[in-house]
C-alpha atoms as a PDB file:
ATOM      1  CA  MET A   1      59.825 182.711  28.987  1.00  0.00           C
ATOM      2  CA  THR A   2      62.489 180.062  29.100  1.00  0.00           C
ATOM      3  CA  ASN A   3      63.921 178.261  32.106  1.00  0.00           C
ATOM      4  CA  LEU A   4      67.075 180.368  32.110  1.00  0.00           C
ATOM      5  CA  GLU A   5      69.562 178.825  34.505  1.00  0.00           C
ATOM      6  CA  LEU A   6      73.271 179.552  34.596  1.00  0.00           C
ATOM      7  CA  SER A   7      75.914 176.907  35.135  1.00  0.00           C
ATOM      8  CA  SER A   8      79.602 177.452  35.785  1.00  0.00           C
ATOM      9  CA  SER A   9      80.389 175.932  32.382  1.00  0.00           C
ATOM     10  CA  GLN A  10      78.847 179.010  30.759  1.00  0.00           C
ATOM     11  CA  SER A  11      81.365 181.400  32.325  1.00  0.00           C
ATOM     12  CA  TYR A  12      84.683 181.877  30.571  1.00  0.00           C
ATOM     13  CA  PRO A  13      87.682 184.108  31.255  1.00  0.00           C
ATOM     14  CA  ILE A  14      88.195 186.566  28.404  1.00  0.00           C
ATOM     15  CA  ASP A  15      91.448 185.002  27.204  1.00  0.00           C
ATOM     16  CA  LYS A  16      89.717 181.633  26.785  1.00  0.00           C
ATOM     17  CA  SER A  17      86.388 182.821  25.415  1.00  0.00           C
ATOM     18  CA  THR A  18      85.165 182.314  21.886  1.00  0.00           C
ATOM     19  CA  SER A  19      86.070 185.000  19.367  1.00  0.00           C
ATOM     20  CA  SER A  20      82.444 185.320  18.348  1.00  0.00           C
ATOM     21  CA  LEU A  21      79.088 184.547  19.909  1.00  0.00           C
ATOM     22  CA  SER A  22      77.937 183.618  16.406  1.00  0.00           C
ATOM     23  CA  SER A  23      80.103 180.491  16.591  1.00  0.00           C
ATOM     24  CA  LEU A  24      78.134 179.186  19.585  1.00  0.00           C
ATOM     25  CA  PRO A  25      74.778 177.407  19.417  1.00  0.00           C
ATOM     26  CA  GLY A  26      71.806 179.622  20.130  1.00  0.00           C
ATOM     27  CA  ASP A  27      69.892 182.492  18.542  1.00  0.00           C
ATOM     28  CA  PHE A  28      70.035 184.877  21.516  1.00  0.00           C
ATOM     29  CA  LEU A  29      73.293 185.022  23.467  1.00  0.00           C
ATOM     30  CA  VAL A  30      74.703 187.572  25.925  1.00  0.00           C
ATOM     31  CA  GLN A  31      78.373 188.071  26.817  1.00  0.00           C
ATOM     32  CA  PHE A  32      79.974 190.406  29.371  1.00  0.00           C
ATOM     33  CA  TRP A  33      83.196 192.140  28.344  1.00  0.00           C
ATOM     34  CA  GLY A  34      83.312 194.828  31.062  1.00  0.00           C
ATOM     35  CA  VAL A  35      81.550 194.683  34.434  1.00  0.00           C
ATOM     36  CA  ARG A  36      83.135 197.451  36.516  1.00  0.00           C
ATOM     37  CA  GLY A  37      81.642 200.841  37.327  1.00  0.00           C
ATOM     38  CA  LEU A  38      83.264 204.285  37.543  1.00  0.00           C
ATOM     39  CA  ILE A  39      86.865 203.446  36.585  1.00  0.00           C
ATOM     40  CA  PRO A  40      88.897 200.464  35.312  1.00  0.00           C
ATOM     41  CA  THR A  41      90.229 198.440  38.219  1.00  0.00           C
ATOM     42  CA  PRO A  42      93.010 196.044  37.188  1.00  0.00           C
ATOM     43  CA  SER A  43      94.513 194.212  40.164  1.00  0.00           C
ATOM     44  CA  ASN A  44      95.195 190.782  41.588  1.00  0.00           C
ATOM     45  CA  HIS A  45      92.070 191.250  43.716  1.00  0.00           C
ATOM     46  CA  THR A  46      89.749 191.801  40.729  1.00  0.00           C
ATOM     47  CA  SER A  47      91.108 189.180  38.320  1.00  0.00           C
ATOM     48  CA  ARG A  48      88.174 186.767  38.617  1.00  0.00           C
ATOM     49  CA  TYR A  49      85.366 189.250  38.104  1.00  0.00           C
ATOM     50  CA  GLY A  50      87.365 191.633  35.943  1.00  0.00           C
ATOM     51  CA  GLY A  51      88.413 195.257  36.012  1.00  0.00           C
ATOM     52  CA  ASN A  52      87.156 196.649  32.684  1.00  0.00           C
ATOM     53  CA  THR A  53      84.312 199.142  32.607  1.00  0.00           C
ATOM     54  CA  ALA A  54      80.903 198.464  31.116  1.00  0.00           C
ATOM     55  CA  CYS A  55      80.424 196.587  27.869  1.00  0.00           C
ATOM     56  CA  VAL A  56      77.884 193.862  27.049  1.00  0.00           C
ATOM     57  CA  GLU A  57      77.492 192.094  23.723  1.00  0.00           C
ATOM     58  CA  MET A  58      74.280 190.479  22.514  1.00  0.00           C
ATOM     59  CA  TYR A  59      73.958 188.249  19.463  1.00  0.00           C
ATOM     60  CA  VAL A  60      70.279 188.143  18.510  1.00  0.00           C
ATOM     61  CA  ALA A  61      68.877 186.494  15.390  1.00  0.00           C
ATOM     62  CA  GLY A  62      72.087 187.254  13.486  1.00  0.00           C
ATOM     63  CA  LYS A  63      72.322 190.863  14.728  1.00  0.00           C
ATOM     64  CA  ARG A  64      75.344 192.064  16.703  1.00  0.00           C
ATOM     65  CA  LEU A  65      74.363 194.477  19.493  1.00  0.00           C
ATOM     66  CA  ILE A  66      76.719 196.185  21.955  1.00  0.00           C
ATOM     67  CA  PHE A  67      75.584 197.988  25.091  1.00  0.00           C
ATOM     68  CA  ASP A  68      77.978 200.631  26.421  1.00  0.00           C
ATOM     69  CA  GLY A  69      81.541 201.256  25.327  1.00  0.00           C
ATOM     70  CA  GLY A  70      83.675 201.174  28.459  1.00  0.00           C
ATOM     71  CA  THR A  71      87.154 199.654  28.353  1.00  0.00           C
ATOM     72  CA  GLY A  72      85.587 196.221  27.827  1.00  0.00           C
ATOM     73  CA  LEU A  73      84.835 197.411  24.273  1.00  0.00           C
ATOM     74  CA  ARG A  74      88.556 197.268  23.468  1.00  0.00           C
ATOM     75  CA  ILE A  75      88.671 193.602  24.479  1.00  0.00           C
ATOM     76  CA  LEU A  76      85.559 192.878  22.423  1.00  0.00           C
ATOM     77  CA  GLY A  77      87.184 194.569  19.429  1.00  0.00           C
ATOM     78  CA  LYS A  78      90.269 192.376  19.734  1.00  0.00           C
ATOM     79  CA  ALA A  79      88.067 189.261  19.850  1.00  0.00           C
ATOM     80  CA  TRP A  80      86.365 190.377  16.619  1.00  0.00           C
ATOM     81  CA  GLN A  81      89.625 190.721  14.682  1.00  0.00           C
ATOM     82  CA  ASN A  82      89.397 187.148  13.422  1.00  0.00           C
ATOM     83  CA  LEU A  83      85.848 187.525  12.131  1.00  0.00           C
ATOM     84  CA  GLN A  84      85.157 187.690   8.438  1.00  0.00           C
ATOM     85  CA  GLN A  85      84.889 191.260   7.173  1.00  0.00           C
ATOM     86  CA  PRO A  86      82.862 193.351   6.653  1.00  0.00           C
ATOM     87  CA  LEU A  87      81.223 193.647  10.072  1.00  0.00           C
ATOM     88  CA  GLU A  88      78.012 195.434  10.946  1.00  0.00           C
ATOM     89  CA  ALA A  89      76.971 196.091  14.544  1.00  0.00           C
ATOM     90  CA  HIS A  90      74.721 198.350  16.603  1.00  0.00           C
ATOM     91  CA  LEU A  91      76.199 200.151  19.616  1.00  0.00           C
ATOM     92  CA  PHE A  92      73.804 201.488  22.273  1.00  0.00           C
ATOM     93  CA  PHE A  93      75.017 203.876  24.982  1.00  0.00           C
ATOM     94  CA  THR A  94      73.166 204.306  28.271  1.00  0.00           C
ATOM     95  CA  ASN A  95      74.777 207.691  28.944  1.00  0.00           C
ATOM     96  CA  SER A  96      77.876 209.675  28.013  1.00  0.00           C
ATOM     97  CA  GLN A  97      79.856 209.438  31.242  1.00  0.00           C
ATOM     98  CA  SER A  98      83.480 208.415  30.862  1.00  0.00           C
ATOM     99  CA  ASN A  99      83.042 204.854  32.112  1.00  0.00           C
ATOM    100  CA  ARG A 100      80.496 204.201  29.342  1.00  0.00           C
ATOM    101  CA  ILE A 101      82.417 205.696  26.393  1.00  0.00           C
ATOM    102  CA  GLN A 102      86.132 205.490  27.248  1.00  0.00           C
ATOM    103  CA  GLY A 103      86.731 202.298  25.269  1.00  0.00           C
ATOM    104  CA  PHE A 104      85.383 203.678  21.998  1.00  0.00           C
ATOM    105  CA  PRO A 105      88.664 205.280  20.791  1.00  0.00           C
ATOM    106  CA  PHE A 106      90.324 201.853  21.203  1.00  0.00           C
ATOM    107  CA  PHE A 107      87.668 199.840  19.356  1.00  0.00           C
ATOM    108  CA  ALA A 108      89.806 198.414  16.548  1.00  0.00           C
ATOM    109  CA  PRO A 109      86.960 197.325  14.193  1.00  0.00           C
ATOM    110  CA  ALA A 110      85.899 200.974  13.878  1.00  0.00           C
ATOM    111  CA  PHE A 111      89.182 201.720  12.083  1.00  0.00           C
ATOM    112  CA  ILE A 112      88.500 199.198   9.270  1.00  0.00           C
ATOM    113  CA  ALA A 113      86.911 200.805   6.235  1.00  0.00           C
ATOM    114  CA  GLU A 114      84.703 197.867   5.262  1.00  0.00           C
ATOM    115  CA  ASN A 115      82.903 197.799   8.609  1.00  0.00           C
ATOM    116  CA  SER A 116      79.702 199.620   9.533  1.00  0.00           C
ATOM    117  CA  PHE A 117      78.474 200.686  12.977  1.00  0.00           C
ATOM    118  CA  HIS A 118      75.151 202.213  13.975  1.00  0.00           C
ATOM    119  CA  ILE A 119      75.575 204.245  17.165  1.00  0.00           C
ATOM    120  CA  TYR A 120      72.651 205.166  19.416  1.00  0.00           C
ATOM    121  CA  GLY A 121      72.413 207.342  22.504  1.00  0.00           C
ATOM    122  CA  GLY A 122      70.405 210.035  24.231  1.00  0.00           C
ATOM    123  CA  ALA A 123      71.344 213.635  24.870  1.00  0.00           C
ATOM    124  CA  ALA A 124      73.744 214.208  27.756  1.00  0.00           C
ATOM    125  CA  SER A 125      72.826 216.371  30.732  1.00  0.00           C
ATOM    126  CA  ASN A 126      74.390 219.383  28.956  1.00  0.00           C
ATOM    127  CA  GLY A 127      72.412 218.666  25.789  1.00  0.00           C
ATOM    128  CA  ALA A 128      75.323 217.228  23.801  1.00  0.00           C
ATOM    129  CA  SER A 129      74.498 214.404  21.395  1.00  0.00           C
ATOM    130  CA  ILE A 130      76.188 211.014  21.604  1.00  0.00           C
ATOM    131  CA  LYS A 131      78.172 211.907  18.481  1.00  0.00           C
ATOM    132  CA  GLN A 132      79.421 215.112  20.081  1.00  0.00           C
ATOM    133  CA  CYS A 133      80.442 213.309  23.284  1.00  0.00           C
ATOM    134  CA  LEU A 134      82.383 210.631  21.404  1.00  0.00           C
ATOM    135  CA  TYR A 135      83.948 213.297  19.175  1.00  0.00           C
ATOM    136  CA  ASP A 136      85.014 215.497  22.104  1.00  0.00           C
ATOM    137  CA  GLN A 137      86.833 212.741  24.003  1.00  0.00           C
ATOM    138  CA  MET A 138      89.033 212.087  20.950  1.00  0.00           C
ATOM    139  CA  LEU A 139      90.218 215.692  20.657  1.00  0.00           C
ATOM    140  CA  GLN A 140      93.622 216.894  21.826  1.00  0.00           C
ATOM    141  CA  PRO A 141      94.834 216.903  24.551  1.00  0.00           C
ATOM    142  CA  HIS A 142      92.636 213.957  25.598  1.00  0.00           C
ATOM    143  CA  PHE A 143      93.475 211.690  22.663  1.00  0.00           C
ATOM    144  CA  PRO A 144      96.032 211.917  19.841  1.00  0.00           C
ATOM    145  CA  TYR A 145      93.670 211.094  16.948  1.00  0.00           C
ATOM    146  CA  PRO A 146      90.263 212.599  16.097  1.00  0.00           C
ATOM    147  CA  LEU A 147      87.148 210.552  15.466  1.00  0.00           C
ATOM    148  CA  GLN A 148      87.572 211.158  11.728  1.00  0.00           C
ATOM    149  CA  VAL A 149      90.478 208.675  11.572  1.00  0.00           C
ATOM    150  CA  MET A 150      87.977 205.861  12.080  1.00  0.00           C
ATOM    151  CA  GLN A 151      87.554 204.569   8.541  1.00  0.00           C
ATOM    152  CA  SER A 152      84.435 202.487   9.132  1.00  0.00           C
ATOM    153  CA  GLU A 153      81.005 203.833   8.302  1.00  0.00           C
ATOM    154  CA  LEU A 154      79.603 205.428  11.458  1.00  0.00           C
ATOM    155  CA  GLN A 155      75.913 206.266  11.530  1.00  0.00           C
ATOM    156  CA  PHE A 156      74.648 208.155  14.577  1.00  0.00           C
ATOM    157  CA  CYS A 157      71.102 208.102  15.889  1.00  0.00           C
ATOM    158  CA  ASN A 158      69.841 210.376  18.663  1.00  0.00           C
ATOM    159  CA  LEU A 159      67.438 208.493  20.899  1.00  0.00           C
ATOM    160  CA  THR A 160      64.670 209.888  23.037  1.00  0.00           C
ATOM    161  CA  PRO A 161      63.024 208.035  25.935  1.00  0.00           C
ATOM    162  CA  ASN A 162      60.163 205.701  25.013  1.00  0.00           C
ATOM    163  CA  SER A 163      61.445 205.341  21.467  1.00  0.00           C
ATOM    164  CA  GLU A 164      61.887 202.100  19.529  1.00  0.00           C
ATOM    165  CA  VAL A 165      64.575 200.768  17.186  1.00  0.00           C
ATOM    166  CA  GLY A 166      63.562 197.994  14.809  1.00  0.00           C
ATOM    167  CA  LEU A 167      66.220 195.693  13.340  1.00  0.00           C
ATOM    168  CA  ASP A 168      64.191 193.274  11.239  1.00  0.00           C
ATOM    169  CA  GLU A 169      62.710 190.842  13.809  1.00  0.00           C
ATOM    170  CA  VAL A 170      64.625 192.381  16.735  1.00  0.00           C
ATOM    171  CA  LYS A 171      63.047 195.269  18.642  1.00  0.00           C
ATOM    172  CA  ILE A 172      64.879 197.563  21.075  1.00  0.00           C
ATOM    173  CA  THR A 173      62.754 199.849  23.243  1.00  0.00           C
ATOM    174  CA  THR A 174      64.054 202.619  25.492  1.00  0.00           C
ATOM    175  CA  ALA A 175      63.106 204.390  28.707  1.00  0.00           C
ATOM    176  CA  LEU A 176      64.658 207.136  30.800  1.00  0.00           C
ATOM    177  CA  ILE A 177      65.721 205.308  33.962  1.00  0.00           C
ATOM    178  CA  ASN A 178      67.767 207.990  35.720  1.00  0.00           C
ATOM    179  CA  GLN A 179      66.705 211.602  35.327  1.00  0.00           C
ATOM    180  CA  THR A 180      69.793 213.024  37.045  1.00  0.00           C
ATOM    181  CA  GLN A 181      72.282 211.225  34.800  1.00  0.00           C
ATOM    182  CA  ARG A 182      69.996 211.242  31.752  1.00  0.00           C
ATOM    183  CA  SER A 183      70.522 207.491  31.486  1.00  0.00           C
ATOM    184  CA  ILE A 184      68.601 205.293  29.078  1.00  0.00           C
ATOM    185  CA  GLY A 185      67.553 201.701  29.731  1.00  0.00           C
ATOM    186  CA  TYR A 186      67.032 199.181  26.935  1.00  0.00           C
ATOM    187  CA  ARG A 187      64.758 196.197  26.417  1.00  0.00           C
ATOM    188  CA  VAL A 188      65.702 193.818  23.589  1.00  0.00           C
ATOM    189  CA  THR A 189      62.870 191.679  22.242  1.00  0.00           C
ATOM    190  CA  TRP A 190      63.017 188.836  19.741  1.00  0.00           C
ATOM    191  CA  GLN A 191      60.058 186.519  19.287  1.00  0.00           C
ATOM    192  CA  ASN A 192      58.930 185.789  22.876  1.00  0.00           C
ATOM    193  CA  TYR A 193      62.325 186.416  24.483  1.00  0.00           C
ATOM    194  CA  ASN A 194      63.301 189.600  26.309  1.00  0.00           C
ATOM    195  CA  VAL A 195      66.475 190.971  27.895  1.00  0.00           C
ATOM    196  CA  ALA A 196      66.597 194.291  29.765  1.00  0.00           C
ATOM    197  CA  TYR A 197      69.774 196.313  30.227  1.00  0.00           C
ATOM    198  CA  VAL A 198      69.047 198.770  33.045  1.00  0.00           C
ATOM    199  CA  THR A 199      72.302 199.840  34.666  1.00  0.00           C
ATOM    200  CA  ASP A 200      71.648 203.169  36.354  1.00  0.00           C
ATOM    201  CA  LEU A 201      69.191 202.203  39.063  1.00  0.00           C
ATOM    202  CA  ASN A 202      68.969 204.822  41.776  1.00  0.00           C
ATOM    203  CA  MET A 203      67.949 204.022  45.333  1.00  0.00           C
ATOM    204  CA  ASN A 204      66.431 207.534  45.579  1.00  0.00           C
ATOM    205  CA  ALA A 205      64.419 207.321  42.357  1.00  0.00           C
ATOM    206  CA  GLU A 206      61.060 209.051  42.233  1.00  0.00           C
ATOM    207  CA  PRO A 207      57.948 206.801  42.194  1.00  0.00           C
ATOM    208  CA  GLY A 208      57.216 207.691  38.571  1.00  0.00           C
ATOM    209  CA  GLU A 209      60.749 206.806  37.558  1.00  0.00           C
ATOM    210  CA  ARG A 210      60.522 203.438  39.312  1.00  0.00           C
ATOM    211  CA  GLU A 211      57.198 202.673  37.668  1.00  0.00           C
ATOM    212  CA  GLN A 212      58.695 203.313  34.247  1.00  0.00           C
ATOM    213  CA  ILE A 213      61.576 200.948  35.014  1.00  0.00           C
ATOM    214  CA  LEU A 214      59.193 198.257  36.244  1.00  0.00           C
ATOM    215  CA  GLN A 215      57.242 198.477  32.999  1.00  0.00           C
ATOM    216  CA  MET A 216      60.451 198.112  30.983  1.00  0.00           C
ATOM    217  CA  ILE A 217      61.651 195.002  32.849  1.00  0.00           C
ATOM    218  CA  GLN A 218      58.287 193.287  33.330  1.00  0.00           C
ATOM    219  CA  ASP A 219      58.508 189.516  32.711  1.00  0.00           C
ATOM    220  CA  VAL A 220      61.935 189.629  31.051  1.00  0.00           C
ATOM    221  CA  ASP A 221      63.972 186.447  30.734  1.00  0.00           C
ATOM    222  CA  LEU A 222      67.125 188.283  31.824  1.00  0.00           C
ATOM    223  CA  LEU A 223      67.627 191.567  33.658  1.00  0.00           C
ATOM    224  CA  ILE A 224      71.095 193.112  33.675  1.00  0.00           C
ATOM    225  CA  ALA A 225      71.153 195.736  36.421  1.00  0.00           C
ATOM    226  CA  ASN A 226      73.588 197.600  38.630  1.00  0.00           C
ATOM    227  CA  ALA A 227      74.256 197.670  42.302  1.00  0.00           C
ATOM    228  CA  THR A 228      73.677 201.217  43.494  1.00  0.00           C
ATOM    229  CA  TYR A 229      76.182 203.536  45.094  1.00  0.00           C
ATOM    230  CA  ILE A 230      76.644 207.273  45.245  1.00  0.00           C
ATOM    231  CA  PRO A 231      80.056 208.322  43.898  1.00  0.00           C
ATOM    232  CA  PRO A 232      82.401 209.854  44.834  1.00  0.00           C
ATOM    233  CA  THR A 233      81.629 209.169  48.501  1.00  0.00           C
ATOM    234  CA  SER A 234      83.644 206.543  50.330  1.00  0.00           C
ATOM    235  CA  HIS A 235      82.446 203.007  49.786  1.00  0.00           C
ATOM    236  CA  ALA A 236      81.532 201.139  52.968  1.00  0.00           C
ATOM    237  CA  HIS A 237      81.122 197.390  52.664  1.00  0.00           C
ATOM    238  CA  GLU A 238      79.055 197.392  55.865  1.00  0.00           C
ATOM    239  CA  SER A 239      76.157 198.881  53.887  1.00  0.00           C
ATOM    240  CA  ALA A 240      76.389 196.312  51.095  1.00  0.00           C
ATOM    241  CA  GLU A 241      72.723 195.319  51.357  1.00  0.00           C
ATOM    242  CA  LEU A 242      71.730 198.800  50.229  1.00  0.00           C
ATOM    243  CA  LEU A 243      73.791 198.324  47.099  1.00  0.00           C
ATOM    244  CA  TRP A 244      71.855 195.448  45.576  1.00  0.00           C
ATOM    245  CA  GLN A 245      68.443 195.611  47.206  1.00  0.00           C
ATOM    246  CA  VAL A 246      66.992 197.981  44.577  1.00  0.00           C
ATOM    247  CA  ALA A 247      67.786 195.542  41.761  1.00  0.00           C
ATOM    248  CA  VAL A 248      66.417 192.583  43.722  1.00  0.00           C
ATOM    249  CA  GLU A 249      63.215 194.367  44.738  1.00  0.00           C
ATOM    250  CA  MET A 250      62.506 195.383  41.164  1.00  0.00           C
ATOM    251  CA  ALA A 251      63.312 191.921  39.818  1.00  0.00           C
ATOM    252  CA  GLU A 252      60.839 190.394  42.273  1.00  0.00           C
ATOM    253  CA  LYS A 253      58.081 192.908  41.516  1.00  0.00           C
ATOM    254  CA  ALA A 254      58.513 192.593  37.743  1.00  0.00           C
ATOM    255  CA  ASN A 255      58.553 188.774  37.665  1.00  0.00           C
ATOM    256  CA  VAL A 256      62.067 188.712  36.211  1.00  0.00           C
ATOM    257  CA  GLN A 257      63.306 185.195  35.519  1.00  0.00           C
ATOM    258  CA  LYS A 258      67.052 185.809  35.944  1.00  0.00           C
ATOM    259  CA  LEU A 259      68.966 188.739  37.411  1.00  0.00           C
ATOM    260  CA  VAL A 260      72.609 189.543  36.693  1.00  0.00           C
ATOM    261  CA  ILE A 261      74.153 192.341  38.743  1.00  0.00           C
ATOM    262  CA  SER A 262      76.989 194.214  37.036  1.00  0.00           C
ATOM    263  CA  HIS A 263      78.869 197.544  37.269  1.00  0.00           C
ATOM    264  CA  HIS A 264      80.726 196.526  40.425  1.00  0.00           C
ATOM    265  CA  HIS A 265      82.277 199.251  42.550  1.00  0.00           C
ATOM    266  CA  PRO A 266      86.061 199.662  42.029  1.00  0.00           C
ATOM    267  CA  ASP A 267      86.662 198.804  45.703  1.00  0.00           C
ATOM    268  CA  ASP A 268      84.754 195.508  45.513  1.00  0.00           C
ATOM    269  CA  HIS A 269      87.356 192.738  45.352  1.00  0.00           C
ATOM    270  CA  ASP A 270      86.684 189.189  44.202  1.00  0.00           C
ATOM    271  CA  ASP A 271      86.202 187.606  47.613  1.00  0.00           C
ATOM    272  CA  PHE A 272      83.758 190.310  48.665  1.00  0.00           C
ATOM    273  CA  LEU A 273      81.757 189.883  45.464  1.00  0.00           C
ATOM    274  CA  ASP A 274      81.577 186.135  46.154  1.00  0.00           C
ATOM    275  CA  GLN A 275      79.998 186.964  49.516  1.00  0.00           C
ATOM    276  CA  VAL A 276      77.563 189.392  47.918  1.00  0.00           C
ATOM    277  CA  GLU A 277      76.502 186.814  45.337  1.00  0.00           C
ATOM    278  CA  SER A 278      75.768 184.243  48.036  1.00  0.00           C
ATOM    279  CA  LYS A 279      73.789 186.794  50.027  1.00  0.00           C
ATOM    280  CA  VAL A 280      71.729 187.920  47.051  1.00  0.00           C
ATOM    281  CA  GLN A 281      71.030 184.334  45.982  1.00  0.00           C
ATOM    282  CA  SER A 282      69.551 183.676  49.422  1.00  0.00           C
ATOM    283  CA  ILE A 283      66.961 186.346  48.621  1.00  0.00           C
ATOM    284  CA  PHE A 284      66.542 185.959  44.832  1.00  0.00           C
ATOM    285  CA  ALA A 285      67.827 182.511  43.911  1.00  0.00           C
ATOM    286  CA  ASN A 286      68.324 182.954  40.184  1.00  0.00           C
ATOM    287  CA  THR A 287      70.900 185.729  40.491  1.00  0.00           C
ATOM    288  CA  SER A 288      74.515 185.945  39.357  1.00  0.00           C
ATOM    289  CA  LEU A 289      77.146 188.635  39.646  1.00  0.00           C
ATOM    290  CA  ALA A 290      78.600 189.458  36.255  1.00  0.00           C
ATOM    291  CA  CYS A 291      82.186 188.576  35.488  1.00  0.00           C
ATOM    292  CA  GLU A 292      84.176 189.231  32.338  1.00  0.00           C
ATOM    293  CA  GLY A 293      83.689 186.409  29.863  1.00  0.00           C
ATOM    294  CA  LEU A 294      80.331 185.301  31.268  1.00  0.00           C
ATOM    295  CA  ILE A 295      78.114 183.992  28.461  1.00  0.00           C
ATOM    296  CA  ILE A 296      74.385 183.500  28.995  1.00  0.00           C
ATOM    297  CA  PRO A 297      72.271 181.739  26.369  1.00  0.00           C
ATOM    298  CA  VAL A 298      68.761 183.170  26.404  1.00  0.00           C
ATOM    299  CA  VAL A 299      67.685 180.685  23.735  1.00  0.00           C
END
């Protein structure tokens, strides 16, 4: 593992960030385009951390990977408009809830015929495939244009837990991390470097479920995880320690080098998140709270 430390110079607001991770030095880079859970939260009180829902880009050994397609995916798509066509990328969904897929209809590169996208996801709790879930949200009256208007080549792959996707030297392994929500976690491996994207941690997880998560995140260079809360109950800041302690406990047990907590609650304003970050760092020093535009070089 590398000595993965984060400095403030590696965090950029979206409107100042590079149009492509491929233009930056490094073979394994991670960028956050959406860091909010449940629902987009644009306001003066969320401007520093961001209000778009989940979307993380990874550039690994020349491969473009995207994890989740919340509203941050629209911003990512705009940043890719200046890239040389054609584009090929791999889009991995953790689940099919609205905050993970709602940006897909607004992903501009998917409407360009020369581009190609490989789309991966597990079956939803009702058994629907990821293709069916993306298709359904673009039907009237929800959206004016059907999925078929996307001119790019879309290839869908149904994932099952404990499966593996091989992209030349890059390996992506999966695990079921939340039985109730049928959520998949991902571990991306290239050479000796590993990043885990595990964003549906549950404070009430069964022991077997926790053990599976610990195996997935063991010894990773970077763990991207969520604070836990139980929607749609009211959100009480007094109980904030309960929100991040699951991620911290697992990071400590699994010998994780760096932890980034994302999927912030819609009610968590910037100043509060600053306080949470300071508190978490007092327990697990190499921790950051994700903000839109944050870029982390793994190597």
